[in-house]
Amino acid sequence: LRELQDETGGFSVFIPLRFQHDSVGDPRNR
């Protein structure tokens, strides 16, 4: 992402998103 930002300057913000467990054990969340 840093290299792409060097090229375009178009990113306004970086957002680390924490992976979430499924509290009800949904099988979709593997």
PDB file of all heavy atoms in Angstrom:
ATOM      1  N   LEU A   1       0.825  -1.206   0.000  1.00  0.00           N
ATOM      2  CA  LEU A   1       0.000   0.000   0.000  1.00  0.00           C
ATOM      3  C   LEU A   1       0.864   1.263   0.000  1.00  0.00           C
ATOM      4  O   LEU A   1       0.534   2.248  -0.669  1.00  0.00           O
ATOM      5  CB  LEU A   1      -0.938  -0.019   1.205  1.00  0.00           C
ATOM      6  CG  LEU A   1      -2.022  -1.104   1.185  1.00  0.00           C
ATOM      7  CD1 LEU A   1      -2.713  -1.181   2.540  1.00  0.00           C
ATOM      8  CD2 LEU A   1      -3.039  -0.835   0.083  1.00  0.00           C
ATOM      9  N   ARG A   2       1.943   1.240   0.755  1.00  0.00           N
ATOM     10  CA  ARG A   2       2.842   2.395   0.808  1.00  0.00           C
ATOM     11  C   ARG A   2       3.420   2.696  -0.567  1.00  0.00           C
ATOM     12  O   ARG A   2       3.521   3.868  -0.972  1.00  0.00           O
ATOM     13  CB  ARG A   2       3.955   2.140   1.829  1.00  0.00           C
ATOM     14  CG  ARG A   2       4.814   3.353   2.120  1.00  0.00           C
ATOM     15  CD  ARG A   2       5.814   3.051   3.237  1.00  0.00           C
ATOM     16  NE  ARG A   2       6.940   2.229   2.779  1.00  0.00           N
ATOM     17  CZ  ARG A   2       7.967   1.882   3.553  1.00  0.00           C
ATOM     18  NH1 ARG A   2       7.998   2.257   4.836  1.00  0.00           N
ATOM     19  NH2 ARG A   2       8.956   1.139   3.084  1.00  0.00           N
ATOM     20  N   GLU A   3       3.788   1.651  -1.302  1.00  0.00           N
ATOM     21  CA  GLU A   3       4.338   1.838  -2.645  1.00  0.00           C
ATOM     22  C   GLU A   3       3.285   2.409  -3.595  1.00  0.00           C
ATOM     23  O   GLU A   3       3.579   3.298  -4.408  1.00  0.00           O
ATOM     24  CB  GLU A   3       4.863   0.502  -3.177  1.00  0.00           C
ATOM     25  CG  GLU A   3       5.530   0.608  -4.534  1.00  0.00           C
ATOM     26  CD  GLU A   3       6.128  -0.712  -4.990  1.00  0.00           C
ATOM     27  OE1 GLU A   3       6.160  -1.673  -4.195  1.00  0.00           O
ATOM     28  OE2 GLU A   3       6.561  -0.769  -6.156  1.00  0.00           O
ATOM     29  N   LEU A   4       2.047   1.916  -3.489  1.00  0.00           N
ATOM     30  CA  LEU A   4       0.973   2.454  -4.320  1.00  0.00           C
ATOM     31  C   LEU A   4       0.690   3.905  -3.956  1.00  0.00           C
ATOM     32  O   LEU A   4       0.427   4.744  -4.839  1.00  0.00           O
ATOM     33  CB  LEU A   4      -0.285   1.597  -4.171  1.00  0.00           C
ATOM     34  CG  LEU A   4      -1.490   1.982  -5.027  1.00  0.00           C
ATOM     35  CD1 LEU A   4      -1.143   2.033  -6.508  1.00  0.00           C
ATOM     36  CD2 LEU A   4      -2.645   1.011  -4.784  1.00  0.00           C
ATOM     37  N   GLN A   5       0.769   4.223  -2.661  1.00  0.00           N
ATOM     38  CA  GLN A   5       0.576   5.608  -2.224  1.00  0.00           C
ATOM     39  C   GLN A   5       1.683   6.511  -2.757  1.00  0.00           C
ATOM     40  O   GLN A   5       1.428   7.669  -3.117  1.00  0.00           O
ATOM     41  CB  GLN A   5       0.517   5.674  -0.696  1.00  0.00           C
ATOM     42  CG  GLN A   5       0.309   7.060  -0.111  1.00  0.00           C
ATOM     43  CD  GLN A   5      -1.121   7.567  -0.248  1.00  0.00           C
ATOM     44  OE1 GLN A   5      -1.867   7.132  -1.113  1.00  0.00           O
ATOM     45  NE2 GLN A   5      -1.494   8.508   0.593  1.00  0.00           N
ATOM     46  N   ASP A   6       2.911   6.011  -2.832  1.00  0.00           N
ATOM     47  CA  ASP A   6       3.989   6.785  -3.457  1.00  0.00           C
ATOM     48  C   ASP A   6       3.619   7.163  -4.884  1.00  0.00           C
ATOM     49  O   ASP A   6       3.944   8.252  -5.363  1.00  0.00           O
ATOM     50  CB  ASP A   6       5.287   5.971  -3.480  1.00  0.00           C
ATOM     51  CG  ASP A   6       6.033   5.964  -2.159  1.00  0.00           C
ATOM     52  OD1 ASP A   6       5.783   6.857  -1.324  1.00  0.00           O
ATOM     53  OD2 ASP A   6       6.873   5.066  -1.961  1.00  0.00           O
ATOM     54  N   GLU A   7       2.945   6.245  -5.559  1.00  0.00           N
ATOM     55  CA  GLU A   7       2.593   6.435  -6.965  1.00  0.00           C
ATOM     56  C   GLU A   7       1.419   7.394  -7.150  1.00  0.00           C
ATOM     57  O   GLU A   7       1.457   8.272  -8.020  1.00  0.00           O
ATOM     58  CB  GLU A   7       2.265   5.083  -7.590  1.00  0.00           C
ATOM     59  CG  GLU A   7       1.843   5.130  -9.035  1.00  0.00           C
ATOM     60  CD  GLU A   7       1.380   3.771  -9.528  1.00  0.00           C
ATOM     61  OE1 GLU A   7       1.754   2.740  -8.924  1.00  0.00           O
ATOM     62  OE2 GLU A   7       0.640   3.741 -10.534  1.00  0.00           O
ATOM     63  N   THR A   8       0.361   7.230  -6.337  1.00  0.00           N
ATOM     64  CA  THR A   8      -0.883   7.963  -6.596  1.00  0.00           C
ATOM     65  C   THR A   8      -1.210   9.054  -5.584  1.00  0.00           C
ATOM     66  O   THR A   8      -1.884  10.025  -5.919  1.00  0.00           O
ATOM     67  CB  THR A   8      -2.080   6.995  -6.627  1.00  0.00           C
ATOM     68  OG1 THR A   8      -2.340   6.511  -5.295  1.00  0.00           O
ATOM     69  CG2 THR A   8      -1.823   5.824  -7.566  1.00  0.00           C
ATOM     70  N   GLY A   9      -0.782   8.863  -4.331  1.00  0.00           N
ATOM     71  CA  GLY A   9      -1.143   9.813  -3.277  1.00  0.00           C
ATOM     72  C   GLY A   9      -2.625   9.838  -2.965  1.00  0.00           C
ATOM     73  O   GLY A   9      -3.115  10.778  -2.329  1.00  0.00           O
ATOM     74  N   GLY A  10      -3.362   8.786  -3.364  1.00  0.00           N
ATOM     75  CA  GLY A  10      -4.812   8.839  -3.253  1.00  0.00           C
ATOM     76  C   GLY A  10      -5.427   8.224  -2.020  1.00  0.00           C
ATOM     77  O   GLY A  10      -6.646   8.315  -1.825  1.00  0.00           O
ATOM     78  N   PHE A  11      -4.643   7.585  -1.160  1.00  0.00           N
ATOM     79  CA  PHE A  11      -5.206   7.016   0.064  1.00  0.00           C
ATOM     80  C   PHE A  11      -5.296   8.090   1.139  1.00  0.00           C
ATOM     81  O   PHE A  11      -4.317   8.783   1.424  1.00  0.00           O
ATOM     82  CB  PHE A  11      -4.357   5.854   0.573  1.00  0.00           C
ATOM     83  CG  PHE A  11      -4.387   4.626  -0.291  1.00  0.00           C
ATOM     84  CD1 PHE A  11      -3.222   4.059  -0.776  1.00  0.00           C
ATOM     85  CD2 PHE A  11      -5.602   4.031  -0.615  1.00  0.00           C
ATOM     86  CE1 PHE A  11      -3.252   2.930  -1.574  1.00  0.00           C
ATOM     87  CE2 PHE A  11      -5.648   2.892  -1.409  1.00  0.00           C
ATOM     88  CZ  PHE A  11      -4.465   2.350  -1.900  1.00  0.00           C
ATOM     89  N   SER A  12      -6.453   8.206   1.738  1.00  0.00           N
ATOM     90  CA  SER A  12      -6.661   9.205   2.791  1.00  0.00           C
ATOM     91  C   SER A  12      -6.386   8.652   4.177  1.00  0.00           C
ATOM     92  O   SER A  12      -6.014   9.409   5.087  1.00  0.00           O
ATOM     93  CB  SER A  12      -8.093   9.742   2.736  1.00  0.00           C
ATOM     94  OG  SER A  12      -9.029   8.672   2.839  1.00  0.00           O
ATOM     95  N   VAL A  13      -6.547   7.335   4.347  1.00  0.00           N
ATOM     96  CA  VAL A  13      -6.457   6.753   5.687  1.00  0.00           C
ATOM     97  C   VAL A  13      -6.188   5.259   5.558  1.00  0.00           C
ATOM     98  O   VAL A  13      -6.613   4.621   4.590  1.00  0.00           O
ATOM     99  CB  VAL A  13      -7.764   7.011   6.484  1.00  0.00           C
ATOM    100  CG1 VAL A  13      -8.966   6.391   5.795  1.00  0.00           C
ATOM    101  CG2 VAL A  13      -7.663   6.534   7.923  1.00  0.00           C
ATOM    102  N   PHE A  14      -5.467   4.703   6.550  1.00  0.00           N
ATOM    103  CA  PHE A  14      -5.251   3.258   6.640  1.00  0.00           C
ATOM    104  C   PHE A  14      -6.006   2.744   7.853  1.00  0.00           C
ATOM    105  O   PHE A  14      -5.929   3.326   8.944  1.00  0.00           O
ATOM    106  CB  PHE A  14      -3.768   2.931   6.765  1.00  0.00           C
ATOM    107  CG  PHE A  14      -3.489   1.458   6.926  1.00  0.00           C
ATOM    108  CD1 PHE A  14      -3.908   0.550   5.968  1.00  0.00           C
ATOM    109  CD2 PHE A  14      -2.804   0.984   8.037  1.00  0.00           C
ATOM    110  CE1 PHE A  14      -3.658  -0.808   6.107  1.00  0.00           C
ATOM    111  CE2 PHE A  14      -2.535  -0.367   8.185  1.00  0.00           C
ATOM    112  CZ  PHE A  14      -2.969  -1.270   7.217  1.00  0.00           C
ATOM    113  N   ILE A  15      -6.716   1.611   7.666  1.00  0.00           N
ATOM    114  CA  ILE A  15      -7.600   1.099   8.709  1.00  0.00           C
ATOM    115  C   ILE A  15      -7.286  -0.370   8.978  1.00  0.00           C
ATOM    116  O   ILE A  15      -7.713  -1.253   8.218  1.00  0.00           O
ATOM    117  CB  ILE A  15      -9.084   1.234   8.300  1.00  0.00           C
ATOM    118  CG1 ILE A  15      -9.373   2.611   7.708  1.00  0.00           C
ATOM    119  CG2 ILE A  15      -9.994   0.965   9.503  1.00  0.00           C
ATOM    120  CD1 ILE A  15     -10.708   2.706   6.989  1.00  0.00           C
ATOM    121  N   PRO A  16      -6.551  -0.689  10.036  1.00  0.00           N
ATOM    122  CA  PRO A  16      -6.412  -2.090  10.440  1.00  0.00           C
ATOM    123  C   PRO A  16      -7.726  -2.581  11.063  1.00  0.00           C
ATOM    124  O   PRO A  16      -8.263  -1.950  11.980  1.00  0.00           O
ATOM    125  CB  PRO A  16      -5.278  -2.051  11.484  1.00  0.00           C
ATOM    126  CG  PRO A  16      -4.601  -0.722  11.280  1.00  0.00           C
ATOM    127  CD  PRO A  16      -5.687   0.199  10.826  1.00  0.00           C
ATOM    128  N   LEU A  17      -8.244  -3.679  10.558  1.00  0.00           N
ATOM    129  CA  LEU A  17      -9.517  -4.233  11.018  1.00  0.00           C
ATOM    130  C   LEU A  17      -9.262  -5.573  11.705  1.00  0.00           C
ATOM    131  O   LEU A  17      -8.650  -6.465  11.127  1.00  0.00           O
ATOM    132  CB  LEU A  17     -10.460  -4.443   9.827  1.00  0.00           C
ATOM    133  CG  LEU A  17     -10.781  -3.187   9.009  1.00  0.00           C
ATOM    134  CD1 LEU A  17     -11.523  -3.565   7.728  1.00  0.00           C
ATOM    135  CD2 LEU A  17     -11.592  -2.199   9.827  1.00  0.00           C
ATOM    136  N   ARG A  18      -9.741  -5.712  12.925  1.00  0.00           N
ATOM    137  CA  ARG A  18      -9.505  -6.944  13.677  1.00  0.00           C
ATOM    138  C   ARG A  18     -10.503  -8.022  13.261  1.00  0.00           C
ATOM    139  O   ARG A  18     -11.718  -7.804  13.265  1.00  0.00           O
ATOM    140  CB  ARG A  18      -9.616  -6.686  15.179  1.00  0.00           C
ATOM    141  CG  ARG A  18      -9.252  -7.904  16.024  1.00  0.00           C
ATOM    142  CD  ARG A  18      -9.270  -7.598  17.509  1.00  0.00           C
ATOM    143  NE  ARG A  18     -10.614  -7.407  18.030  1.00  0.00           N
ATOM    144  CZ  ARG A  18     -10.952  -7.595  19.298  1.00  0.00           C
ATOM    145  NH1 ARG A  18     -10.043  -7.970  20.184  1.00  0.00           N
ATOM    146  NH2 ARG A  18     -12.176  -7.389  19.701  1.00  0.00           N
ATOM    147  N   PHE A  19     -10.000  -9.189  12.908  1.00  0.00           N
ATOM    148  CA  PHE A  19     -10.871 -10.324  12.607  1.00  0.00           C
ATOM    149  C   PHE A  19     -11.746 -10.633  13.815  1.00  0.00           C
ATOM    150  O   PHE A  19     -11.277 -10.664  14.957  1.00  0.00           O
ATOM    151  CB  PHE A  19     -10.036 -11.556  12.239  1.00  0.00           C
ATOM    152  CG  PHE A  19     -10.814 -12.840  12.285  1.00  0.00           C
ATOM    153  CD1 PHE A  19     -11.787 -13.101  11.345  1.00  0.00           C
ATOM    154  CD2 PHE A  19     -10.586 -13.764  13.292  1.00  0.00           C
ATOM    155  CE1 PHE A  19     -12.523 -14.276  11.395  1.00  0.00           C
ATOM    156  CE2 PHE A  19     -11.317 -14.940  13.353  1.00  0.00           C
ATOM    157  CZ  PHE A  19     -12.289 -15.200  12.405  1.00  0.00           C
ATOM    158  N   GLN A  20     -13.033 -10.884  13.546  1.00  0.00           N
ATOM    159  CA  GLN A  20     -14.003 -11.140  14.602  1.00  0.00           C
ATOM    160  C   GLN A  20     -14.445 -12.598  14.605  1.00  0.00           C
ATOM    161  O   GLN A  20     -14.807 -13.150  13.560  1.00  0.00           O
ATOM    162  CB  GLN A  20     -15.253 -10.272  14.379  1.00  0.00           C
ATOM    163  CG  GLN A  20     -14.972  -8.788  14.303  1.00  0.00           C
ATOM    164  CD  GLN A  20     -14.624  -8.204  15.653  1.00  0.00           C
ATOM    165  OE1 GLN A  20     -15.429  -8.234  16.576  1.00  0.00           O
ATOM    166  NE2 GLN A  20     -13.435  -7.672  15.764  1.00  0.00           N
ATOM    167  N   HIS A  21     -14.438 -13.210  15.782  1.00  0.00           N
ATOM    168  CA  HIS A  21     -15.082 -14.503  15.931  1.00  0.00           C
ATOM    169  C   HIS A  21     -16.592 -14.340  15.805  1.00  0.00           C
ATOM    170  O   HIS A  21     -17.131 -13.254  15.994  1.00  0.00           O
ATOM    171  CB  HIS A  21     -14.772 -15.093  17.300  1.00  0.00           C
ATOM    172  CG  HIS A  21     -13.492 -15.859  17.324  1.00  0.00           C
ATOM    173  ND1 HIS A  21     -13.134 -16.663  18.376  1.00  0.00           N
ATOM    174  CD2 HIS A  21     -12.482 -15.959  16.420  1.00  0.00           C
ATOM    175  CE1 HIS A  21     -11.956 -17.214  18.126  1.00  0.00           C
ATOM    176  NE2 HIS A  21     -11.542 -16.802  16.952  1.00  0.00           N
ATOM    177  N   ASP A  22     -17.249 -15.425  15.511  1.00  0.00           N
ATOM    178  CA  ASP A  22     -18.704 -15.465  15.490  1.00  0.00           C
ATOM    179  C   ASP A  22     -19.175 -16.037  16.818  1.00  0.00           C
ATOM    180  O   ASP A  22     -18.903 -17.196  17.140  1.00  0.00           O
ATOM    181  CB  ASP A  22     -19.184 -16.336  14.323  1.00  0.00           C
ATOM    182  CG  ASP A  22     -20.678 -16.222  14.119  1.00  0.00           C
ATOM    183  OD1 ASP A  22     -21.419 -16.354  15.110  1.00  0.00           O
ATOM    184  OD2 ASP A  22     -21.089 -15.999  12.980  1.00  0.00           O
ATOM    185  N   SER A  23     -19.868 -15.235  17.580  1.00  0.00           N
ATOM    186  CA  SER A  23     -20.230 -15.639  18.941  1.00  0.00           C
ATOM    187  C   SER A  23     -21.247 -16.768  18.974  1.00  0.00           C
ATOM    188  O   SER A  23     -21.404 -17.429  19.994  1.00  0.00           O
ATOM    189  CB  SER A  23     -20.781 -14.430  19.713  1.00  0.00           C
ATOM    190  OG  SER A  23     -21.965 -13.945  19.090  1.00  0.00           O
ATOM    191  N   VAL A  24     -21.953 -16.998  17.852  1.00  0.00           N
ATOM    192  CA  VAL A  24     -22.947 -18.073  17.849  1.00  0.00           C
ATOM    193  C   VAL A  24     -22.476 -19.270  17.032  1.00  0.00           C
ATOM    194  O   VAL A  24     -23.231 -20.207  16.796  1.00  0.00           O
ATOM    195  CB  VAL A  24     -24.307 -17.561  17.302  1.00  0.00           C
ATOM    196  CG1 VAL A  24     -24.867 -16.490  18.217  1.00  0.00           C
ATOM    197  CG2 VAL A  24     -24.171 -17.038  15.876  1.00  0.00           C
ATOM    198  N   GLY A  25     -21.211 -19.239  16.603  1.00  0.00           N
ATOM    199  CA  GLY A  25     -20.652 -20.387  15.905  1.00  0.00           C
ATOM    200  C   GLY A  25     -21.197 -20.599  14.513  1.00  0.00           C
ATOM    201  O   GLY A  25     -21.369 -21.738  14.061  1.00  0.00           O
ATOM    202  N   ASP A  26     -21.486 -19.519  13.790  1.00  0.00           N
ATOM    203  CA  ASP A  26     -21.987 -19.610  12.419  1.00  0.00           C
ATOM    204  C   ASP A  26     -20.973 -20.373  11.565  1.00  0.00           C
ATOM    205  O   ASP A  26     -19.799 -20.010  11.505  1.00  0.00           O
ATOM    206  CB  ASP A  26     -22.194 -18.199  11.857  1.00  0.00           C
ATOM    207  CG  ASP A  26     -22.982 -18.202  10.556  1.00  0.00           C
ATOM    208  OD1 ASP A  26     -22.686 -19.047   9.689  1.00  0.00           O
ATOM    209  OD2 ASP A  26     -23.878 -17.349  10.411  1.00  0.00           O
ATOM    210  N   PRO A  27     -21.388 -21.433  10.889  1.00  0.00           N
ATOM    211  CA  PRO A  27     -20.430 -22.222  10.087  1.00  0.00           C
ATOM    212  C   PRO A  27     -19.836 -21.447   8.921  1.00  0.00           C
ATOM    213  O   PRO A  27     -18.844 -21.887   8.345  1.00  0.00           O
ATOM    214  CB  PRO A  27     -21.283 -23.403   9.598  1.00  0.00           C
ATOM    215  CG  PRO A  27     -22.700 -22.943   9.699  1.00  0.00           C
ATOM    216  CD  PRO A  27     -22.743 -22.017  10.879  1.00  0.00           C
ATOM    217  N   ARG A  28     -20.428 -20.325   8.551  1.00  0.00           N
ATOM    218  CA  ARG A  28     -19.844 -19.513   7.488  1.00  0.00           C
ATOM    219  C   ARG A  28     -18.477 -18.966   7.901  1.00  0.00           C
ATOM    220  O   ARG A  28     -17.611 -18.720   7.071  1.00  0.00           O
ATOM    221  CB  ARG A  28     -20.769 -18.340   7.145  1.00  0.00           C
ATOM    222  CG  ARG A  28     -22.126 -18.742   6.591  1.00  0.00           C
ATOM    223  CD  ARG A  28     -23.003 -17.515   6.394  1.00  0.00           C
ATOM    224  NE  ARG A  28     -24.345 -17.899   5.984  1.00  0.00           N
ATOM    225  CZ  ARG A  28     -25.323 -18.213   6.829  1.00  0.00           C
ATOM    226  NH1 ARG A  28     -25.088 -18.215   8.130  1.00  0.00           N
ATOM    227  NH2 ARG A  28     -26.517 -18.560   6.374  1.00  0.00           N
ATOM    228  N   ASN A  29     -18.325 -18.710   9.191  1.00  0.00           N
ATOM    229  CA  ASN A  29     -17.070 -18.177   9.718  1.00  0.00           C
ATOM    230  C   ASN A  29     -16.170 -19.365  10.043  1.00  0.00           C
ATOM    231  O   ASN A  29     -16.299 -19.997  11.090  1.00  0.00           O
ATOM    232  CB  ASN A  29     -17.347 -17.332  10.964  1.00  0.00           C
ATOM    233  CG  ASN A  29     -16.149 -16.517  11.404  1.00  0.00           C
ATOM    234  OD1 ASN A  29     -15.019 -16.978  11.289  1.00  0.00           O
ATOM    235  ND2 ASN A  29     -16.399 -15.324  11.914  1.00  0.00           N
ATOM    236  N   ARG A  30     -15.243 -19.675   9.126  1.00  0.00           N
ATOM    237  CA  ARG A  30     -14.481 -20.923   9.215  1.00  0.00           C
ATOM    238  C   ARG A  30     -13.120 -20.751   9.881  1.00  0.00           C
ATOM    239  O   ARG A  30     -12.277 -21.639   9.801  1.00  0.00           O
ATOM    240  CB  ARG A  30     -14.304 -21.518   7.813  1.00  0.00           C
ATOM    241  CG  ARG A  30     -15.642 -21.779   7.110  1.00  0.00           C
ATOM    242  CD  ARG A  30     -15.492 -22.609   5.856  1.00  0.00           C
ATOM    243  NE  ARG A  30     -14.636 -21.986   4.864  1.00  0.00           N
ATOM    244  CZ  ARG A  30     -15.017 -21.041   4.005  1.00  0.00           C
ATOM    245  NH1 ARG A  30     -16.257 -20.570   4.053  1.00  0.00           N
ATOM    246  NH2 ARG A  30     -14.173 -20.556   3.108  1.00  0.00           N
TER     247      ARG A  30
END
